[in-house]
N, C-alpha and C. Protein backbone atom coordinates (compact mmCIF):
# COMPACT_ATOMS: atom_id res chain seq x y z
N MET A 1 50.29 -36.81 -48.76
CA MET A 1 50.38 -36.34 -47.40
C MET A 1 49.49 -35.12 -47.23
N PRO A 2 48.50 -35.22 -46.31
CA PRO A 2 47.57 -34.10 -46.15
C PRO A 2 48.26 -32.91 -45.51
N HIS A 3 47.71 -31.80 -45.79
CA HIS A 3 48.23 -30.55 -45.24
C HIS A 3 47.95 -30.50 -43.74
N LEU A 4 48.81 -29.90 -42.96
CA LEU A 4 48.67 -29.86 -41.51
C LEU A 4 47.44 -29.08 -41.04
N ALA A 5 47.05 -28.10 -41.80
CA ALA A 5 45.89 -27.28 -41.40
C ALA A 5 44.59 -28.05 -41.52
N CYS A 6 44.58 -29.14 -42.27
CA CYS A 6 43.36 -29.91 -42.47
C CYS A 6 43.16 -31.00 -41.43
N ARG A 7 44.09 -31.17 -40.57
CA ARG A 7 43.95 -32.20 -39.56
C ARG A 7 42.89 -31.84 -38.54
N VAL A 8 42.06 -32.77 -38.21
CA VAL A 8 41.02 -32.58 -37.21
C VAL A 8 41.49 -33.26 -35.95
N ARG A 9 41.43 -32.54 -34.91
CA ARG A 9 41.86 -33.08 -33.63
C ARG A 9 40.63 -33.52 -32.86
N ARG A 10 40.62 -34.69 -32.34
CA ARG A 10 39.50 -35.23 -31.59
C ARG A 10 39.74 -34.99 -30.11
N VAL A 11 38.68 -34.53 -29.44
CA VAL A 11 38.75 -34.32 -28.00
C VAL A 11 38.14 -35.55 -27.35
N SER A 12 38.93 -36.19 -26.53
CA SER A 12 38.45 -37.43 -25.95
C SER A 12 37.72 -37.21 -24.62
N ASN A 13 38.06 -36.18 -23.87
CA ASN A 13 37.44 -35.92 -22.57
C ASN A 13 36.48 -34.74 -22.69
N ALA A 14 35.19 -35.00 -22.75
CA ALA A 14 34.18 -33.94 -22.80
C ALA A 14 33.87 -33.52 -21.37
N SER A 15 33.77 -32.20 -21.13
CA SER A 15 33.46 -31.71 -19.78
C SER A 15 32.03 -31.21 -19.75
N GLY A 16 31.39 -31.25 -18.56
CA GLY A 16 30.01 -30.83 -18.39
C GLY A 16 29.48 -31.31 -17.05
N PHE A 17 28.18 -31.18 -16.86
CA PHE A 17 27.57 -31.60 -15.62
C PHE A 17 26.87 -32.93 -15.81
N SER A 18 26.97 -33.74 -14.83
CA SER A 18 26.21 -34.99 -14.89
C SER A 18 24.81 -34.72 -14.36
N LEU A 19 23.92 -35.63 -14.59
CA LEU A 19 22.56 -35.50 -14.11
C LEU A 19 22.51 -35.45 -12.59
N LEU A 20 23.33 -36.21 -11.93
CA LEU A 20 23.38 -36.22 -10.47
C LEU A 20 23.83 -34.86 -9.93
N GLU A 21 24.85 -34.26 -10.53
CA GLU A 21 25.31 -32.94 -10.08
C GLU A 21 24.22 -31.88 -10.27
N LEU A 22 23.52 -31.94 -11.37
CA LEU A 22 22.44 -31.00 -11.62
C LEU A 22 21.32 -31.15 -10.60
N LEU A 23 20.95 -32.37 -10.25
CA LEU A 23 19.91 -32.60 -9.26
C LEU A 23 20.33 -32.10 -7.88
N ILE A 24 21.58 -32.28 -7.52
CA ILE A 24 22.07 -31.79 -6.22
C ILE A 24 21.96 -30.27 -6.15
N VAL A 25 22.33 -29.57 -7.23
CA VAL A 25 22.24 -28.11 -7.27
C VAL A 25 20.78 -27.67 -7.17
N LEU A 26 19.87 -28.35 -7.84
CA LEU A 26 18.46 -28.00 -7.77
C LEU A 26 17.88 -28.21 -6.37
N VAL A 27 18.29 -29.26 -5.69
CA VAL A 27 17.82 -29.51 -4.32
C VAL A 27 18.32 -28.41 -3.39
N ILE A 28 19.57 -28.02 -3.52
CA ILE A 28 20.13 -26.94 -2.69
C ILE A 28 19.39 -25.64 -2.95
N PHE A 29 19.11 -25.35 -4.22
CA PHE A 29 18.37 -24.13 -4.58
C PHE A 29 16.96 -24.16 -3.98
N ALA A 30 16.28 -25.30 -4.03
CA ALA A 30 14.93 -25.41 -3.47
C ALA A 30 14.93 -25.20 -1.97
N ILE A 31 15.93 -25.72 -1.27
CA ILE A 31 16.02 -25.53 0.18
C ILE A 31 16.23 -24.06 0.51
N MET A 32 17.11 -23.40 -0.22
CA MET A 32 17.36 -21.97 0.04
C MET A 32 16.12 -21.13 -0.27
N ALA A 33 15.41 -21.47 -1.32
CA ALA A 33 14.19 -20.72 -1.68
C ALA A 33 13.11 -20.91 -0.62
N SER A 34 12.98 -22.11 -0.07
CA SER A 34 11.96 -22.33 0.95
C SER A 34 12.27 -21.59 2.24
N ILE A 35 13.52 -21.30 2.48
CA ILE A 35 13.90 -20.50 3.65
C ILE A 35 13.59 -19.02 3.41
N ALA A 36 13.76 -18.56 2.18
CA ALA A 36 13.61 -17.13 1.86
C ALA A 36 12.16 -16.70 1.68
N VAL A 37 11.28 -17.59 1.25
CA VAL A 37 9.90 -17.21 0.91
C VAL A 37 9.14 -16.59 2.09
N PRO A 38 9.17 -17.12 3.31
CA PRO A 38 8.42 -16.48 4.39
C PRO A 38 8.85 -15.04 4.69
N SER A 39 10.13 -14.76 4.57
CA SER A 39 10.56 -13.39 4.84
C SER A 39 10.09 -12.44 3.73
N PHE A 40 9.97 -12.92 2.51
CA PHE A 40 9.44 -12.09 1.43
C PHE A 40 7.95 -11.82 1.63
N GLN A 41 7.24 -12.78 2.18
CA GLN A 41 5.81 -12.59 2.44
C GLN A 41 5.60 -11.49 3.47
N SER A 42 6.41 -11.49 4.51
CA SER A 42 6.32 -10.44 5.52
C SER A 42 6.67 -9.08 4.92
N LEU A 43 7.66 -9.05 4.07
CA LEU A 43 8.05 -7.81 3.39
C LEU A 43 6.90 -7.30 2.52
N ARG A 44 6.23 -8.20 1.81
CA ARG A 44 5.12 -7.82 0.95
C ARG A 44 3.95 -7.27 1.77
N GLN A 45 3.66 -7.90 2.90
CA GLN A 45 2.57 -7.44 3.77
C GLN A 45 2.88 -6.07 4.36
N ASN A 46 4.12 -5.86 4.78
CA ASN A 46 4.53 -4.54 5.27
C ASN A 46 4.39 -3.49 4.19
N GLN A 47 4.76 -3.83 2.96
CA GLN A 47 4.67 -2.88 1.86
C GLN A 47 3.21 -2.55 1.55
N GLN A 48 2.31 -3.54 1.61
CA GLN A 48 0.89 -3.28 1.40
C GLN A 48 0.35 -2.32 2.45
N LEU A 49 0.78 -2.50 3.68
CA LEU A 49 0.35 -1.64 4.78
C LEU A 49 0.82 -0.21 4.56
N THR A 50 2.08 -0.06 4.20
CA THR A 50 2.64 1.27 3.95
C THR A 50 1.96 1.93 2.76
N ASP A 51 1.73 1.17 1.69
CA ASP A 51 1.07 1.72 0.50
C ASP A 51 -0.33 2.22 0.82
N ALA A 52 -1.09 1.44 1.59
CA ALA A 52 -2.46 1.84 1.93
C ALA A 52 -2.46 3.12 2.76
N ALA A 53 -1.54 3.22 3.71
CA ALA A 53 -1.46 4.44 4.53
C ALA A 53 -1.09 5.64 3.66
N ASN A 54 -0.15 5.47 2.76
CA ASN A 54 0.24 6.57 1.88
C ASN A 54 -0.88 6.97 0.93
N GLU A 55 -1.69 6.00 0.50
CA GLU A 55 -2.82 6.31 -0.38
C GLU A 55 -3.89 7.11 0.35
N LEU A 56 -4.11 6.81 1.62
CA LEU A 56 -5.08 7.59 2.40
C LEU A 56 -4.58 9.01 2.62
N VAL A 57 -3.29 9.17 2.90
CA VAL A 57 -2.71 10.51 3.04
C VAL A 57 -2.83 11.27 1.72
N ALA A 58 -2.55 10.59 0.62
CA ALA A 58 -2.67 11.24 -0.69
C ALA A 58 -4.11 11.69 -0.96
N ALA A 59 -5.08 10.88 -0.54
CA ALA A 59 -6.49 11.26 -0.72
C ALA A 59 -6.83 12.49 0.11
N LEU A 60 -6.35 12.55 1.34
CA LEU A 60 -6.59 13.73 2.19
C LEU A 60 -5.98 14.98 1.56
N ARG A 61 -4.77 14.84 1.04
CA ARG A 61 -4.11 15.99 0.40
C ARG A 61 -4.80 16.39 -0.90
N LEU A 62 -5.27 15.40 -1.66
CA LEU A 62 -5.99 15.71 -2.89
C LEU A 62 -7.29 16.45 -2.59
N ALA A 63 -8.02 15.98 -1.61
CA ALA A 63 -9.28 16.63 -1.24
C ALA A 63 -9.03 18.07 -0.80
N ARG A 64 -8.01 18.27 -0.02
CA ARG A 64 -7.68 19.63 0.43
C ARG A 64 -7.28 20.52 -0.75
N GLY A 65 -6.46 19.98 -1.64
CA GLY A 65 -6.04 20.74 -2.82
C GLY A 65 -7.21 21.08 -3.73
N GLU A 66 -8.13 20.14 -3.90
CA GLU A 66 -9.31 20.39 -4.72
C GLU A 66 -10.20 21.46 -4.11
N ALA A 67 -10.33 21.47 -2.79
CA ALA A 67 -11.14 22.49 -2.13
C ALA A 67 -10.55 23.88 -2.36
N ILE A 68 -9.24 23.97 -2.27
CA ILE A 68 -8.58 25.27 -2.50
C ILE A 68 -8.72 25.68 -3.96
N MET A 69 -8.47 24.74 -4.87
CA MET A 69 -8.51 25.05 -6.29
C MET A 69 -9.92 25.42 -6.75
N ARG A 70 -10.93 24.72 -6.29
CA ARG A 70 -12.31 24.97 -6.69
C ARG A 70 -12.96 26.10 -5.90
N GLU A 71 -12.31 26.50 -4.80
CA GLU A 71 -12.87 27.49 -3.88
C GLU A 71 -14.27 27.07 -3.45
N ALA A 72 -14.36 25.80 -3.08
CA ALA A 72 -15.65 25.23 -2.67
C ALA A 72 -15.39 24.10 -1.68
N GLU A 73 -16.44 23.70 -0.99
CA GLU A 73 -16.31 22.62 -0.02
C GLU A 73 -16.12 21.28 -0.74
N VAL A 74 -15.18 20.47 -0.23
CA VAL A 74 -14.91 19.14 -0.77
C VAL A 74 -14.91 18.16 0.40
N THR A 75 -15.48 16.97 0.16
CA THR A 75 -15.61 15.96 1.21
C THR A 75 -14.87 14.69 0.81
N LEU A 76 -14.14 14.13 1.77
CA LEU A 76 -13.54 12.81 1.65
C LEU A 76 -14.27 11.92 2.64
N CYS A 77 -14.81 10.79 2.15
CA CYS A 77 -15.60 9.94 3.05
C CYS A 77 -15.37 8.47 2.73
N ALA A 78 -15.69 7.63 3.71
CA ALA A 78 -15.68 6.18 3.49
C ALA A 78 -16.83 5.84 2.57
N SER A 79 -16.56 4.98 1.58
CA SER A 79 -17.60 4.64 0.62
C SER A 79 -17.35 3.24 0.07
N ALA A 80 -18.33 2.38 0.22
CA ALA A 80 -18.20 1.01 -0.28
C ALA A 80 -18.51 0.93 -1.77
N ASP A 81 -19.41 1.79 -2.24
CA ASP A 81 -19.83 1.70 -3.64
C ASP A 81 -19.21 2.78 -4.53
N GLY A 82 -18.56 3.78 -3.95
CA GLY A 82 -17.96 4.85 -4.73
C GLY A 82 -18.93 5.93 -5.16
N ASP A 83 -20.22 5.76 -4.84
CA ASP A 83 -21.24 6.73 -5.24
C ASP A 83 -21.82 7.51 -4.08
N SER A 84 -21.71 6.96 -2.87
CA SER A 84 -22.31 7.62 -1.72
C SER A 84 -21.39 7.52 -0.51
N CYS A 85 -21.68 8.36 0.46
CA CYS A 85 -20.90 8.36 1.70
C CYS A 85 -21.72 7.70 2.79
N GLU A 86 -21.70 6.39 2.80
CA GLU A 86 -22.45 5.66 3.81
C GLU A 86 -21.49 4.79 4.61
N GLY A 87 -21.70 4.77 5.90
CA GLY A 87 -20.89 3.92 6.77
C GLY A 87 -19.58 4.57 7.20
N ASN A 88 -18.82 3.79 7.93
CA ASN A 88 -17.56 4.28 8.48
C ASN A 88 -16.43 3.29 8.21
N ASP A 89 -16.65 2.35 7.28
CA ASP A 89 -15.65 1.33 7.01
C ASP A 89 -14.73 1.79 5.88
N TRP A 90 -13.61 2.39 6.25
CA TRP A 90 -12.65 2.90 5.28
C TRP A 90 -11.94 1.77 4.54
N SER A 91 -12.01 0.55 5.05
CA SER A 91 -11.38 -0.60 4.38
C SER A 91 -12.05 -0.91 3.05
N LYS A 92 -13.31 -0.52 2.90
CA LYS A 92 -14.06 -0.82 1.68
C LYS A 92 -13.86 0.24 0.60
N GLY A 93 -13.05 1.25 0.89
CA GLY A 93 -12.75 2.29 -0.09
C GLY A 93 -13.20 3.65 0.39
N TRP A 94 -12.89 4.67 -0.40
CA TRP A 94 -13.30 6.03 -0.07
C TRP A 94 -13.52 6.82 -1.34
N ARG A 95 -14.10 7.98 -1.14
CA ARG A 95 -14.51 8.81 -2.26
C ARG A 95 -14.29 10.27 -1.93
N ILE A 96 -13.94 11.05 -2.94
CA ILE A 96 -13.79 12.50 -2.80
C ILE A 96 -14.86 13.13 -3.70
N ALA A 97 -15.67 14.04 -3.12
CA ALA A 97 -16.75 14.67 -3.87
C ALA A 97 -16.81 16.15 -3.55
N ASP A 98 -17.29 16.94 -4.52
CA ASP A 98 -17.44 18.38 -4.29
C ASP A 98 -18.78 18.65 -3.62
N GLU A 99 -19.08 19.93 -3.37
CA GLU A 99 -20.30 20.26 -2.64
C GLU A 99 -21.57 19.95 -3.42
N GLY A 100 -21.48 19.76 -4.71
CA GLY A 100 -22.63 19.34 -5.51
C GLY A 100 -22.74 17.82 -5.59
N ASN A 101 -21.97 17.12 -4.78
CA ASN A 101 -21.92 15.66 -4.70
C ASN A 101 -21.41 15.02 -5.99
N LYS A 102 -20.65 15.81 -6.79
CA LYS A 102 -20.03 15.28 -7.99
C LYS A 102 -18.71 14.61 -7.59
N THR A 103 -18.53 13.37 -8.02
CA THR A 103 -17.35 12.59 -7.64
C THR A 103 -16.10 13.15 -8.31
N ILE A 104 -15.06 13.35 -7.50
CA ILE A 104 -13.77 13.80 -7.99
C ILE A 104 -12.83 12.60 -8.14
N ALA A 105 -12.80 11.75 -7.14
CA ALA A 105 -11.94 10.56 -7.17
C ALA A 105 -12.54 9.47 -6.29
N VAL A 106 -12.25 8.22 -6.65
CA VAL A 106 -12.72 7.07 -5.88
C VAL A 106 -11.55 6.13 -5.66
N HIS A 107 -11.44 5.60 -4.45
CA HIS A 107 -10.42 4.61 -4.14
C HIS A 107 -11.10 3.26 -3.93
N GLN A 108 -10.56 2.25 -4.54
CA GLN A 108 -11.12 0.90 -4.43
C GLN A 108 -10.88 0.32 -3.04
N PRO A 109 -11.55 -0.78 -2.70
CA PRO A 109 -11.33 -1.42 -1.39
C PRO A 109 -9.87 -1.82 -1.20
N LEU A 110 -9.45 -1.86 0.06
CA LEU A 110 -8.09 -2.28 0.37
C LEU A 110 -7.94 -3.78 0.12
N PRO A 111 -6.71 -4.25 -0.09
CA PRO A 111 -6.50 -5.69 -0.33
C PRO A 111 -7.02 -6.53 0.85
N ASP A 112 -7.28 -7.80 0.55
CA ASP A 112 -7.74 -8.73 1.59
C ASP A 112 -6.76 -8.74 2.75
N ARG A 113 -7.29 -8.95 3.93
CA ARG A 113 -6.52 -9.04 5.18
C ARG A 113 -5.92 -7.70 5.61
N LEU A 114 -6.22 -6.63 4.89
CA LEU A 114 -5.76 -5.30 5.25
C LEU A 114 -7.00 -4.49 5.61
N ASN A 115 -7.01 -3.90 6.81
CA ASN A 115 -8.21 -3.17 7.19
C ASN A 115 -7.86 -1.93 8.01
N VAL A 116 -8.85 -1.07 8.11
CA VAL A 116 -8.74 0.14 8.91
C VAL A 116 -9.48 -0.14 10.21
N VAL A 117 -8.75 -0.14 11.29
CA VAL A 117 -9.32 -0.46 12.61
C VAL A 117 -10.10 0.75 13.12
N ASP A 118 -11.23 0.50 13.75
CA ASP A 118 -12.00 1.60 14.34
C ASP A 118 -11.17 2.27 15.43
N ALA A 119 -10.84 3.52 15.21
CA ALA A 119 -10.10 4.30 16.19
C ALA A 119 -11.05 5.33 16.79
N PRO A 120 -10.81 5.76 18.03
CA PRO A 120 -11.72 6.71 18.67
C PRO A 120 -11.88 8.02 17.90
N SER A 121 -10.81 8.48 17.26
CA SER A 121 -10.92 9.77 16.56
C SER A 121 -11.06 9.59 15.05
N GLN A 122 -11.51 8.41 14.61
CA GLN A 122 -11.69 8.17 13.18
C GLN A 122 -13.04 8.72 12.73
N PRO A 123 -13.04 9.67 11.82
CA PRO A 123 -14.31 10.24 11.37
C PRO A 123 -14.93 9.42 10.24
N ALA A 124 -16.22 9.63 10.02
CA ALA A 124 -16.88 9.00 8.87
C ALA A 124 -16.55 9.76 7.60
N SER A 125 -16.24 11.06 7.76
CA SER A 125 -15.86 11.88 6.61
C SER A 125 -15.03 13.07 7.09
N VAL A 126 -14.32 13.66 6.13
CA VAL A 126 -13.56 14.88 6.40
C VAL A 126 -13.98 15.89 5.34
N ARG A 127 -14.42 17.06 5.80
CA ARG A 127 -14.84 18.12 4.88
C ARG A 127 -13.86 19.27 4.94
N PHE A 128 -13.51 19.80 3.78
CA PHE A 128 -12.61 20.94 3.69
C PHE A 128 -13.38 22.14 3.18
N ASP A 129 -13.10 23.31 3.76
CA ASP A 129 -13.74 24.53 3.26
C ASP A 129 -12.96 25.06 2.07
N ASP A 130 -13.38 26.20 1.55
CA ASP A 130 -12.77 26.75 0.34
C ASP A 130 -11.33 27.21 0.53
N LEU A 131 -10.87 27.32 1.78
CA LEU A 131 -9.48 27.69 2.06
C LEU A 131 -8.61 26.48 2.37
N GLY A 132 -9.20 25.29 2.37
CA GLY A 132 -8.45 24.07 2.61
C GLY A 132 -8.36 23.65 4.06
N TYR A 133 -9.14 24.31 4.92
CA TYR A 133 -9.14 23.93 6.34
C TYR A 133 -10.25 22.93 6.61
N PRO A 134 -10.02 22.03 7.56
CA PRO A 134 -11.10 21.09 7.90
C PRO A 134 -12.33 21.84 8.40
N LYS A 135 -13.46 21.53 7.85
CA LYS A 135 -14.70 22.24 8.18
C LYS A 135 -15.08 22.09 9.65
N ASP A 136 -14.86 20.91 10.21
CA ASP A 136 -15.21 20.67 11.60
C ASP A 136 -14.11 21.11 12.55
N GLY A 137 -12.90 21.32 12.04
CA GLY A 137 -11.79 21.77 12.88
C GLY A 137 -11.29 20.73 13.87
N GLU A 138 -11.59 19.48 13.62
CA GLU A 138 -11.19 18.41 14.53
C GLU A 138 -10.02 17.62 13.96
N ALA A 139 -9.14 17.19 14.84
CA ALA A 139 -8.07 16.29 14.45
C ALA A 139 -8.65 14.88 14.31
N ALA A 140 -8.01 14.06 13.49
CA ALA A 140 -8.51 12.70 13.27
C ALA A 140 -7.33 11.75 13.07
N SER A 141 -7.62 10.47 13.20
CA SER A 141 -6.58 9.46 12.94
C SER A 141 -7.24 8.17 12.46
N TRP A 142 -6.49 7.43 11.66
CA TRP A 142 -6.91 6.13 11.16
C TRP A 142 -5.78 5.15 11.46
N GLN A 143 -6.12 3.97 11.96
CA GLN A 143 -5.12 2.94 12.21
C GLN A 143 -5.32 1.82 11.19
N LEU A 144 -4.27 1.53 10.43
CA LEU A 144 -4.33 0.47 9.43
C LEU A 144 -3.55 -0.74 9.93
N ARG A 145 -4.13 -1.92 9.76
CA ARG A 145 -3.50 -3.18 10.20
C ARG A 145 -3.59 -4.21 9.09
N HIS A 146 -2.61 -5.11 9.10
CA HIS A 146 -2.62 -6.26 8.21
C HIS A 146 -2.77 -7.51 9.07
N ALA A 147 -3.69 -8.39 8.70
CA ALA A 147 -3.96 -9.59 9.50
C ALA A 147 -2.74 -10.51 9.58
N GLY A 148 -1.85 -10.46 8.60
CA GLY A 148 -0.67 -11.32 8.61
C GLY A 148 0.45 -10.80 9.48
N LEU A 149 0.35 -9.56 9.93
CA LEU A 149 1.38 -8.95 10.79
C LEU A 149 0.80 -8.79 12.18
N SER A 150 1.41 -9.40 13.15
CA SER A 150 0.82 -9.43 14.49
C SER A 150 0.83 -8.07 15.19
N ASP A 151 1.95 -7.41 15.26
CA ASP A 151 2.04 -6.20 16.08
C ASP A 151 2.26 -4.92 15.28
N ASP A 152 2.33 -5.01 13.97
CA ASP A 152 2.66 -3.84 13.17
C ASP A 152 1.40 -3.15 12.67
N SER A 153 1.40 -1.84 12.70
CA SER A 153 0.30 -1.05 12.15
C SER A 153 0.84 0.28 11.68
N ARG A 154 0.04 1.00 10.93
CA ARG A 154 0.39 2.35 10.49
C ARG A 154 -0.73 3.28 10.92
N TRP A 155 -0.36 4.45 11.37
CA TRP A 155 -1.32 5.47 11.76
C TRP A 155 -1.28 6.59 10.74
N VAL A 156 -2.44 6.94 10.21
CA VAL A 156 -2.58 8.12 9.36
C VAL A 156 -3.14 9.20 10.26
N CYS A 157 -2.41 10.30 10.37
CA CYS A 157 -2.76 11.38 11.27
C CYS A 157 -3.22 12.59 10.47
N PHE A 158 -4.19 13.29 11.02
CA PHE A 158 -4.76 14.46 10.37
C PHE A 158 -4.93 15.54 11.43
N SER A 159 -4.22 16.65 11.27
CA SER A 159 -4.25 17.71 12.29
C SER A 159 -5.43 18.66 12.09
N ARG A 160 -5.62 19.53 13.05
CA ARG A 160 -6.75 20.49 13.01
C ARG A 160 -6.62 21.51 11.90
N ILE A 161 -5.40 21.72 11.41
CA ILE A 161 -5.21 22.69 10.33
C ILE A 161 -5.18 22.03 8.95
N GLY A 162 -5.37 20.70 8.91
CA GLY A 162 -5.47 20.02 7.62
C GLY A 162 -4.21 19.31 7.17
N ARG A 163 -3.22 19.18 8.03
CA ARG A 163 -1.99 18.48 7.66
C ARG A 163 -2.19 16.97 7.85
N ALA A 164 -1.87 16.21 6.81
CA ALA A 164 -2.01 14.75 6.86
C ALA A 164 -0.63 14.13 6.73
N TYR A 165 -0.37 13.10 7.54
CA TYR A 165 0.92 12.40 7.49
C TYR A 165 0.78 11.00 8.07
N VAL A 166 1.77 10.16 7.79
CA VAL A 166 1.81 8.81 8.35
C VAL A 166 2.77 8.84 9.52
N ALA A 167 2.27 8.40 10.68
CA ALA A 167 3.12 8.34 11.89
C ALA A 167 4.07 7.16 11.77
N GLU A 168 5.10 7.17 12.59
CA GLU A 168 6.03 6.06 12.60
C GLU A 168 5.30 4.76 12.90
N PRO A 169 5.79 3.63 12.35
CA PRO A 169 5.11 2.36 12.60
C PRO A 169 4.92 2.09 14.09
N SER A 170 3.75 1.59 14.43
CA SER A 170 3.38 1.20 15.81
C SER A 170 3.33 2.36 16.80
N LYS A 171 3.31 3.61 16.32
CA LYS A 171 3.16 4.76 17.20
C LYS A 171 1.89 5.50 16.84
N GLU A 172 1.17 5.92 17.83
CA GLU A 172 -0.07 6.64 17.58
C GLU A 172 0.20 8.10 17.22
N CYS A 173 -0.82 8.75 16.71
CA CYS A 173 -0.74 10.17 16.40
C CYS A 173 -0.74 10.95 17.71
N GLY A 174 -0.05 12.04 17.73
CA GLY A 174 -0.05 12.89 18.92
C GLY A 174 -1.19 13.87 18.90
N LEU A 175 -2.41 13.36 18.95
CA LEU A 175 -3.60 14.23 18.87
C LEU A 175 -3.99 14.74 20.23
């Protein structure tokens, strides 16, 4: 007579998912994902727009800080090649340079479908004197748009005393 501890008990009813149940769950998941993807695309486009505006503000602040630190004139300008200040298309990138035209920082072109719209007060460059004030003393603004977003834009505002900030979405700078 075998010992009771050695008895093996057989399980007759195995539990699990059938192939049909698994396919139904996958179909439901695919339907839910196809509903969610367009809203994520809009979220991503909005984030790209916000990031680009914040990067332009950061460049303005960096240029101002460098002018103060170096006690010399510093220029922020639109630049497609990163070596020269030619043109007025800020979408192709920008560059910060000191008065000896030595490059301090370069920003690459903005992502596809993201551009800087020509605004009336958009300058080709911004120059800071050794105290960090805009050399021309003029206020400026840049409007950034994403082609995938119909009515949304960001305004980068620059005051006469050198303060740079991003205005609320879809609102212009109070220049």
